[in-house]
Amino acid sequence: MTIHFREITPDNWRIFNSLKVRQEQSKFVAPNVTIMARAYAFRNQNSHVYAIYYAELPVGLLMQRDYEENGKIYCVLDQFMIGEQYQGRGYGKAALQEWMSFVGKKERYEAITLCYHEEDEVACKLYESAGFQHTSEVDEEEISMVYPLDLL
């Protein structure tokens, strides 16, 4: 599957802002314009929003940022979404795997971390299938997971 990433630009942001998750998933992920604004707010933490394409088809987006603790740098998968019309076709799994490989090749991070809403069983299964491991950390309704990059 040909998944690749591009930066969000003045030319493509409206296309990606129009992508939506299923209504029942909307409590698990921020609206796309909020994700883009959040990346700007976290710009001092090396945040990026990437447009996810399948060939030339825009299918989703993700946001990453750096988090530093005890002298180690972690890559945080802050937001991840695939448009409702593209879900169930393997784009999410392929995009996650491609992004994890992209992050791992930078050789800058100790691990990738993320949180998912405890009711989001689809996200949990996706992250577990990619090799993420649950930590003991829970923040309100958010469950933390980690992927040590020495596994790549």
N, C-alpha and C. Protein backbone atom coordinates (compact mmCIF):
# COMPACT_ATOMS: atom_id res chain seq x y z
N MET A 1 0.85 -1.18 0.00
CA MET A 1 0.00 0.00 0.00
C MET A 1 0.89 1.24 0.00
N THR A 2 0.65 2.16 -0.88
CA THR A 2 1.48 3.35 -1.04
C THR A 2 0.94 4.49 -0.17
N ILE A 3 1.43 4.55 1.05
CA ILE A 3 1.09 5.64 1.97
C ILE A 3 2.29 6.57 2.06
N HIS A 4 2.05 7.85 2.02
CA HIS A 4 3.13 8.80 2.25
C HIS A 4 2.56 10.04 2.95
N PHE A 5 3.47 10.87 3.43
CA PHE A 5 3.12 12.04 4.22
C PHE A 5 3.60 13.31 3.53
N ARG A 6 2.83 14.35 3.72
CA ARG A 6 3.21 15.68 3.28
C ARG A 6 2.87 16.66 4.39
N GLU A 7 3.53 17.78 4.38
CA GLU A 7 3.20 18.83 5.34
C GLU A 7 1.83 19.41 5.00
N ILE A 8 1.14 19.91 6.00
CA ILE A 8 -0.07 20.69 5.78
C ILE A 8 0.39 22.07 5.30
N THR A 9 -0.17 22.53 4.20
CA THR A 9 0.24 23.79 3.58
C THR A 9 -1.00 24.66 3.31
N PRO A 10 -0.78 25.91 2.90
CA PRO A 10 -1.92 26.73 2.51
C PRO A 10 -2.71 26.13 1.34
N ASP A 11 -2.07 25.27 0.55
CA ASP A 11 -2.74 24.67 -0.60
C ASP A 11 -3.59 23.45 -0.25
N ASN A 12 -3.29 22.76 0.86
CA ASN A 12 -4.04 21.52 1.13
C ASN A 12 -4.79 21.52 2.47
N TRP A 13 -4.66 22.54 3.28
CA TRP A 13 -5.24 22.48 4.62
C TRP A 13 -6.76 22.36 4.60
N ARG A 14 -7.42 23.00 3.63
CA ARG A 14 -8.89 22.92 3.57
C ARG A 14 -9.35 21.50 3.25
N ILE A 15 -8.62 20.82 2.39
CA ILE A 15 -8.96 19.43 2.06
C ILE A 15 -8.91 18.57 3.32
N PHE A 16 -7.85 18.74 4.10
CA PHE A 16 -7.68 17.92 5.31
C PHE A 16 -8.61 18.38 6.43
N ASN A 17 -8.93 19.65 6.45
CA ASN A 17 -9.88 20.12 7.45
C ASN A 17 -11.27 19.54 7.20
N SER A 18 -11.58 19.23 5.95
CA SER A 18 -12.91 18.69 5.63
C SER A 18 -13.06 17.21 5.96
N LEU A 19 -11.95 16.50 6.18
CA LEU A 19 -12.05 15.08 6.56
C LEU A 19 -12.59 14.97 7.98
N LYS A 20 -13.49 14.04 8.18
CA LYS A 20 -14.10 13.83 9.49
C LYS A 20 -14.06 12.34 9.84
N VAL A 21 -14.00 12.05 11.12
CA VAL A 21 -14.16 10.68 11.59
C VAL A 21 -15.65 10.40 11.73
N ARG A 22 -16.00 9.15 11.98
CA ARG A 22 -17.41 8.82 12.22
C ARG A 22 -17.91 9.57 13.45
N GLN A 23 -19.19 9.88 13.46
CA GLN A 23 -19.74 10.67 14.56
C GLN A 23 -19.45 10.05 15.92
N GLU A 24 -19.56 8.73 16.03
CA GLU A 24 -19.32 8.07 17.32
C GLU A 24 -17.84 8.13 17.73
N GLN A 25 -16.95 8.46 16.79
CA GLN A 25 -15.52 8.59 17.10
C GLN A 25 -15.13 10.02 17.44
N SER A 26 -16.02 10.97 17.24
CA SER A 26 -15.65 12.38 17.38
C SER A 26 -15.23 12.76 18.79
N LYS A 27 -15.63 11.98 19.79
CA LYS A 27 -15.19 12.29 21.16
C LYS A 27 -13.77 11.78 21.44
N PHE A 28 -13.21 11.03 20.50
CA PHE A 28 -11.87 10.45 20.70
C PHE A 28 -10.76 11.27 20.05
N VAL A 29 -11.09 12.11 19.10
CA VAL A 29 -10.08 12.87 18.36
C VAL A 29 -10.59 14.30 18.16
N ALA A 30 -9.68 15.25 18.23
CA ALA A 30 -10.05 16.65 18.05
C ALA A 30 -10.42 16.91 16.59
N PRO A 31 -11.25 17.93 16.34
CA PRO A 31 -11.49 18.33 14.95
C PRO A 31 -10.16 18.70 14.29
N ASN A 32 -10.07 18.50 12.99
CA ASN A 32 -8.80 18.70 12.29
C ASN A 32 -8.26 20.11 12.40
N VAL A 33 -9.12 21.11 12.35
CA VAL A 33 -8.63 22.48 12.47
C VAL A 33 -8.03 22.69 13.87
N THR A 34 -8.57 22.02 14.87
CA THR A 34 -8.02 22.09 16.23
C THR A 34 -6.66 21.40 16.28
N ILE A 35 -6.52 20.29 15.58
CA ILE A 35 -5.23 19.59 15.53
C ILE A 35 -4.17 20.51 14.92
N MET A 36 -4.53 21.19 13.84
CA MET A 36 -3.58 22.10 13.20
C MET A 36 -3.21 23.26 14.12
N ALA A 37 -4.20 23.80 14.81
CA ALA A 37 -3.93 24.89 15.77
C ALA A 37 -3.09 24.39 16.94
N ARG A 38 -3.37 23.18 17.38
CA ARG A 38 -2.60 22.60 18.49
C ARG A 38 -1.13 22.45 18.11
N ALA A 39 -0.88 22.02 16.88
CA ALA A 39 0.51 21.89 16.42
C ALA A 39 1.21 23.24 16.47
N TYR A 40 0.50 24.28 16.09
CA TYR A 40 1.09 25.62 16.16
C TYR A 40 1.39 25.98 17.62
N ALA A 41 0.45 25.69 18.51
CA ALA A 41 0.63 26.01 19.92
C ALA A 41 1.82 25.26 20.52
N PHE A 42 2.09 24.05 20.03
CA PHE A 42 3.18 23.23 20.54
C PHE A 42 4.44 23.33 19.66
N ARG A 43 4.54 24.38 18.87
CA ARG A 43 5.67 24.51 17.94
C ARG A 43 7.02 24.50 18.63
N ASN A 44 7.08 24.93 19.88
CA ASN A 44 8.34 24.89 20.62
C ASN A 44 8.73 23.47 21.03
N GLN A 45 7.82 22.52 20.82
CA GLN A 45 8.11 21.12 21.09
C GLN A 45 8.25 20.33 19.79
N ASN A 46 8.71 21.03 18.74
CA ASN A 46 8.98 20.38 17.46
C ASN A 46 7.74 19.66 16.90
N SER A 47 6.59 20.30 17.03
CA SER A 47 5.34 19.66 16.58
C SER A 47 5.20 19.76 15.06
N HIS A 48 4.56 18.75 14.50
CA HIS A 48 4.28 18.70 13.06
C HIS A 48 2.93 18.04 12.86
N VAL A 49 2.20 18.53 11.88
CA VAL A 49 1.00 17.85 11.42
C VAL A 49 1.31 17.35 10.02
N TYR A 50 1.08 16.08 9.80
CA TYR A 50 1.32 15.49 8.49
C TYR A 50 0.01 15.08 7.84
N ALA A 51 -0.11 15.44 6.57
CA ALA A 51 -1.20 14.97 5.74
C ALA A 51 -0.88 13.54 5.32
N ILE A 52 -1.84 12.66 5.46
CA ILE A 52 -1.66 11.26 5.07
C ILE A 52 -2.31 11.05 3.71
N TYR A 53 -1.52 10.56 2.78
CA TYR A 53 -2.02 10.27 1.44
C TYR A 53 -1.89 8.79 1.13
N TYR A 54 -2.88 8.26 0.43
CA TYR A 54 -2.77 6.96 -0.23
C TYR A 54 -2.62 7.31 -1.70
N ALA A 55 -1.43 7.08 -2.26
CA ALA A 55 -1.08 7.58 -3.59
C ALA A 55 -1.33 9.08 -3.57
N GLU A 56 -2.28 9.60 -4.33
CA GLU A 56 -2.58 11.04 -4.32
C GLU A 56 -3.90 11.35 -3.62
N LEU A 57 -4.48 10.37 -2.98
CA LEU A 57 -5.76 10.52 -2.29
C LEU A 57 -5.53 10.94 -0.84
N PRO A 58 -6.04 12.10 -0.42
CA PRO A 58 -5.91 12.52 0.98
C PRO A 58 -6.85 11.71 1.87
N VAL A 59 -6.28 10.96 2.84
CA VAL A 59 -7.10 10.05 3.65
C VAL A 59 -7.11 10.38 5.14
N GLY A 60 -6.15 11.16 5.64
CA GLY A 60 -6.14 11.43 7.07
C GLY A 60 -5.02 12.37 7.44
N LEU A 61 -4.82 12.52 8.74
CA LEU A 61 -3.70 13.32 9.22
C LEU A 61 -3.27 12.86 10.59
N LEU A 62 -2.06 13.27 10.95
CA LEU A 62 -1.55 12.97 12.28
C LEU A 62 -0.72 14.13 12.77
N MET A 63 -0.65 14.23 14.08
CA MET A 63 0.18 15.25 14.71
C MET A 63 1.17 14.55 15.62
N GLN A 64 2.40 14.99 15.56
CA GLN A 64 3.44 14.51 16.46
C GLN A 64 4.12 15.69 17.12
N ARG A 65 4.72 15.45 18.26
CA ARG A 65 5.52 16.46 18.94
C ARG A 65 6.54 15.76 19.81
N ASP A 66 7.53 16.51 20.23
CA ASP A 66 8.55 15.98 21.12
C ASP A 66 8.14 16.17 22.58
N TYR A 67 8.62 15.26 23.40
CA TYR A 67 8.43 15.36 24.85
C TYR A 67 9.75 14.93 25.48
N GLU A 68 10.27 15.77 26.35
CA GLU A 68 11.55 15.46 26.98
C GLU A 68 11.34 15.19 28.46
N GLU A 69 11.97 14.11 28.93
CA GLU A 69 11.90 13.75 30.35
C GLU A 69 13.19 13.04 30.73
N ASN A 70 13.80 13.48 31.83
CA ASN A 70 15.03 12.88 32.34
C ASN A 70 16.13 12.79 31.27
N GLY A 71 16.22 13.84 30.46
CA GLY A 71 17.27 13.89 29.45
C GLY A 71 17.02 13.02 28.23
N LYS A 72 15.84 12.41 28.13
CA LYS A 72 15.50 11.58 26.98
C LYS A 72 14.38 12.25 26.20
N ILE A 73 14.42 12.08 24.88
CA ILE A 73 13.40 12.66 24.02
C ILE A 73 12.49 11.55 23.50
N TYR A 74 11.20 11.80 23.62
CA TYR A 74 10.17 10.87 23.15
C TYR A 74 9.37 11.55 22.05
N CYS A 75 8.91 10.78 21.10
CA CYS A 75 8.02 11.28 20.07
C CYS A 75 6.60 10.95 20.49
N VAL A 76 5.77 11.95 20.59
CA VAL A 76 4.38 11.76 21.01
C VAL A 76 3.49 11.77 19.78
N LEU A 77 2.75 10.69 19.58
CA LEU A 77 1.69 10.68 18.56
C LEU A 77 0.50 11.34 19.24
N ASP A 78 0.34 12.63 18.97
CA ASP A 78 -0.62 13.44 19.69
C ASP A 78 -2.03 13.27 19.16
N GLN A 79 -2.18 13.18 17.85
CA GLN A 79 -3.48 13.00 17.20
C GLN A 79 -3.28 12.15 15.96
N PHE A 80 -4.28 11.33 15.65
CA PHE A 80 -4.21 10.45 14.47
C PHE A 80 -5.63 10.19 14.01
N MET A 81 -5.91 10.49 12.75
CA MET A 81 -7.26 10.23 12.24
C MET A 81 -7.21 9.82 10.78
N ILE A 82 -8.18 8.98 10.43
CA ILE A 82 -8.44 8.60 9.05
C ILE A 82 -9.88 9.00 8.77
N GLY A 83 -10.13 9.65 7.65
CA GLY A 83 -11.48 10.08 7.30
C GLY A 83 -12.45 8.92 7.26
N GLU A 84 -13.68 9.17 7.67
CA GLU A 84 -14.67 8.09 7.80
C GLU A 84 -14.85 7.31 6.51
N GLN A 85 -14.80 7.97 5.37
CA GLN A 85 -15.02 7.27 4.11
C GLN A 85 -13.84 6.37 3.72
N TYR A 86 -12.72 6.50 4.45
CA TYR A 86 -11.53 5.69 4.13
C TYR A 86 -11.21 4.67 5.20
N GLN A 87 -12.01 4.63 6.25
CA GLN A 87 -11.76 3.67 7.33
C GLN A 87 -12.11 2.25 6.89
N GLY A 88 -11.43 1.29 7.50
CA GLY A 88 -11.71 -0.11 7.21
C GLY A 88 -11.04 -0.63 5.95
N ARG A 89 -10.14 0.14 5.37
CA ARG A 89 -9.45 -0.25 4.13
C ARG A 89 -7.96 -0.50 4.35
N GLY A 90 -7.50 -0.42 5.60
CA GLY A 90 -6.10 -0.66 5.89
C GLY A 90 -5.23 0.58 5.86
N TYR A 91 -5.80 1.74 5.55
CA TYR A 91 -5.00 2.97 5.49
C TYR A 91 -4.44 3.36 6.85
N GLY A 92 -5.23 3.21 7.90
CA GLY A 92 -4.77 3.58 9.24
C GLY A 92 -3.59 2.74 9.67
N LYS A 93 -3.69 1.44 9.49
CA LYS A 93 -2.60 0.53 9.87
C LYS A 93 -1.35 0.81 9.05
N ALA A 94 -1.53 0.99 7.74
CA ALA A 94 -0.38 1.27 6.87
C ALA A 94 0.25 2.62 7.22
N ALA A 95 -0.58 3.62 7.49
CA ALA A 95 -0.05 4.94 7.84
C ALA A 95 0.71 4.89 9.15
N LEU A 96 0.17 4.19 10.14
CA LEU A 96 0.83 4.08 11.43
C LEU A 96 2.19 3.40 11.28
N GLN A 97 2.24 2.31 10.54
CA GLN A 97 3.50 1.59 10.34
C GLN A 97 4.52 2.44 9.59
N GLU A 98 4.07 3.15 8.56
CA GLU A 98 4.98 4.01 7.79
C GLU A 98 5.50 5.14 8.66
N TRP A 99 4.62 5.74 9.45
CA TRP A 99 5.03 6.84 10.33
C TRP A 99 6.01 6.35 11.40
N MET A 100 5.74 5.20 11.99
CA MET A 100 6.64 4.65 13.00
C MET A 100 8.03 4.42 12.41
N SER A 101 8.10 3.91 11.21
CA SER A 101 9.38 3.71 10.54
C SER A 101 10.07 5.05 10.29
N PHE A 102 9.32 6.03 9.85
CA PHE A 102 9.83 7.39 9.61
C PHE A 102 10.43 7.97 10.89
N VAL A 103 9.72 7.84 12.00
CA VAL A 103 10.21 8.36 13.28
C VAL A 103 11.45 7.60 13.73
N GLY A 104 11.42 6.28 13.59
CA GLY A 104 12.55 5.46 14.02
C GLY A 104 13.84 5.76 13.26
N LYS A 105 13.72 6.11 11.99
CA LYS A 105 14.90 6.40 11.17
C LYS A 105 15.59 7.68 11.59
N LYS A 106 14.89 8.54 12.30
CA LYS A 106 15.51 9.79 12.75
C LYS A 106 16.55 9.55 13.84
N GLU A 107 16.50 8.41 14.50
CA GLU A 107 17.45 8.03 15.56
C GLU A 107 17.62 9.14 16.59
N ARG A 108 16.54 9.79 16.93
CA ARG A 108 16.54 10.91 17.86
C ARG A 108 15.75 10.58 19.12
N TYR A 109 14.85 9.62 18.99
CA TYR A 109 13.89 9.36 20.06
C TYR A 109 14.17 8.05 20.79
N GLU A 110 13.87 8.06 22.07
CA GLU A 110 13.94 6.88 22.91
C GLU A 110 12.78 5.92 22.60
N ALA A 111 11.59 6.52 22.41
CA ALA A 111 10.38 5.73 22.18
C ALA A 111 9.31 6.64 21.60
N ILE A 112 8.25 5.99 21.13
CA ILE A 112 7.05 6.71 20.72
C ILE A 112 6.01 6.49 21.81
N THR A 113 5.34 7.55 22.20
CA THR A 113 4.29 7.44 23.20
C THR A 113 2.98 7.96 22.61
N LEU A 114 1.89 7.53 23.20
CA LEU A 114 0.57 8.00 22.79
C LEU A 114 -0.42 7.73 23.90
N CYS A 115 -1.56 8.33 23.78
CA CYS A 115 -2.69 8.06 24.67
C CYS A 115 -3.92 7.84 23.80
N TYR A 116 -4.80 6.99 24.25
CA TYR A 116 -6.08 6.81 23.56
C TYR A 116 -7.18 6.80 24.61
N HIS A 117 -8.36 7.16 24.19
CA HIS A 117 -9.52 7.20 25.07
C HIS A 117 -9.91 5.77 25.41
N GLU A 118 -10.18 5.52 26.68
CA GLU A 118 -10.44 4.16 27.14
C GLU A 118 -11.60 3.48 26.42
N GLU A 119 -12.53 4.22 25.87
CA GLU A 119 -13.66 3.63 25.15
C GLU A 119 -13.36 3.36 23.68
N ASP A 120 -12.22 3.80 23.20
CA ASP A 120 -11.87 3.67 21.78
C ASP A 120 -11.18 2.32 21.53
N GLU A 121 -12.00 1.29 21.43
CA GLU A 121 -11.47 -0.07 21.26
C GLU A 121 -10.76 -0.25 19.92
N VAL A 122 -11.22 0.44 18.88
CA VAL A 122 -10.59 0.32 17.57
C VAL A 122 -9.15 0.84 17.63
N ALA A 123 -8.96 2.00 18.27
CA ALA A 123 -7.61 2.55 18.39
C ALA A 123 -6.73 1.62 19.22
N CYS A 124 -7.27 1.11 20.31
CA CYS A 124 -6.50 0.20 21.17
C CYS A 124 -6.00 -1.00 20.37
N LYS A 125 -6.88 -1.62 19.60
CA LYS A 125 -6.49 -2.79 18.80
C LYS A 125 -5.45 -2.42 17.75
N LEU A 126 -5.62 -1.26 17.12
CA LEU A 126 -4.65 -0.82 16.11
C LEU A 126 -3.27 -0.65 16.74
N TYR A 127 -3.21 0.06 17.86
CA TYR A 127 -1.92 0.33 18.49
C TYR A 127 -1.29 -0.95 19.03
N GLU A 128 -2.09 -1.83 19.60
CA GLU A 128 -1.55 -3.12 20.07
C GLU A 128 -1.00 -3.93 18.90
N SER A 129 -1.70 -3.93 17.77
CA SER A 129 -1.24 -4.70 16.61
C SER A 129 0.06 -4.15 16.05
N ALA A 130 0.32 -2.86 16.29
CA ALA A 130 1.57 -2.24 15.83
C ALA A 130 2.71 -2.45 16.82
N GLY A 131 2.43 -3.04 17.98
CA GLY A 131 3.48 -3.33 18.94
C GLY A 131 3.54 -2.39 20.13
N PHE A 132 2.61 -1.44 20.23
CA PHE A 132 2.58 -0.56 21.40
C PHE A 132 2.21 -1.36 22.63
N GLN A 133 2.79 -0.97 23.75
CA GLN A 133 2.55 -1.65 25.02
C GLN A 133 1.90 -0.68 25.99
N HIS A 134 0.95 -1.19 26.76
CA HIS A 134 0.32 -0.35 27.77
C HIS A 134 1.31 -0.04 28.88
N THR A 135 1.25 1.19 29.35
CA THR A 135 2.01 1.57 30.53
C THR A 135 1.03 1.52 31.70
N SER A 136 1.46 1.83 32.86
CA SER A 136 0.55 1.86 34.00
C SER A 136 -0.09 3.24 34.17
N GLU A 137 0.20 4.16 33.24
CA GLU A 137 -0.29 5.52 33.36
C GLU A 137 -1.68 5.67 32.75
N VAL A 138 -2.56 6.32 33.52
CA VAL A 138 -3.90 6.67 33.06
C VAL A 138 -4.14 8.10 33.49
N ASP A 139 -4.57 8.93 32.53
CA ASP A 139 -4.87 10.33 32.82
C ASP A 139 -6.33 10.56 32.48
N GLU A 140 -7.16 10.65 33.52
CA GLU A 140 -8.60 10.75 33.36
C GLU A 140 -9.06 9.55 32.54
N GLU A 141 -9.55 9.77 31.32
CA GLU A 141 -10.04 8.65 30.49
C GLU A 141 -9.03 8.24 29.42
N GLU A 142 -7.80 8.71 29.54
CA GLU A 142 -6.78 8.44 28.54
C GLU A 142 -5.81 7.37 29.04
N ILE A 143 -5.62 6.36 28.22
CA ILE A 143 -4.72 5.25 28.52
C ILE A 143 -3.40 5.48 27.77
N SER A 144 -2.27 5.37 28.46
CA SER A 144 -0.96 5.60 27.84
C SER A 144 -0.38 4.31 27.29
N MET A 145 0.31 4.47 26.16
CA MET A 145 1.02 3.35 25.54
C MET A 145 2.39 3.84 25.10
N VAL A 146 3.30 2.89 24.93
CA VAL A 146 4.66 3.22 24.52
C VAL A 146 5.14 2.17 23.51
N TYR A 147 5.99 2.63 22.61
CA TYR A 147 6.66 1.74 21.67
C TYR A 147 8.15 2.06 21.72
N PRO A 148 8.95 1.20 22.37
CA PRO A 148 10.40 1.44 22.42
C PRO A 148 10.99 1.35 21.00
N LEU A 149 11.74 2.33 20.61
CA LEU A 149 12.24 2.35 19.25
C LEU A 149 13.36 1.35 18.99
N ASP A 150 13.88 0.73 20.01
CA ASP A 150 14.87 -0.32 19.76
C ASP A 150 14.20 -1.57 19.21
N LEU A 151 12.87 -1.59 19.13
CA LEU A 151 12.13 -2.71 18.53
C LEU A 151 12.08 -2.61 17.01
N LEU A 152 12.30 -1.40 16.48
CA LEU A 152 12.24 -1.22 15.02
C LEU A 152 13.45 -1.80 14.33
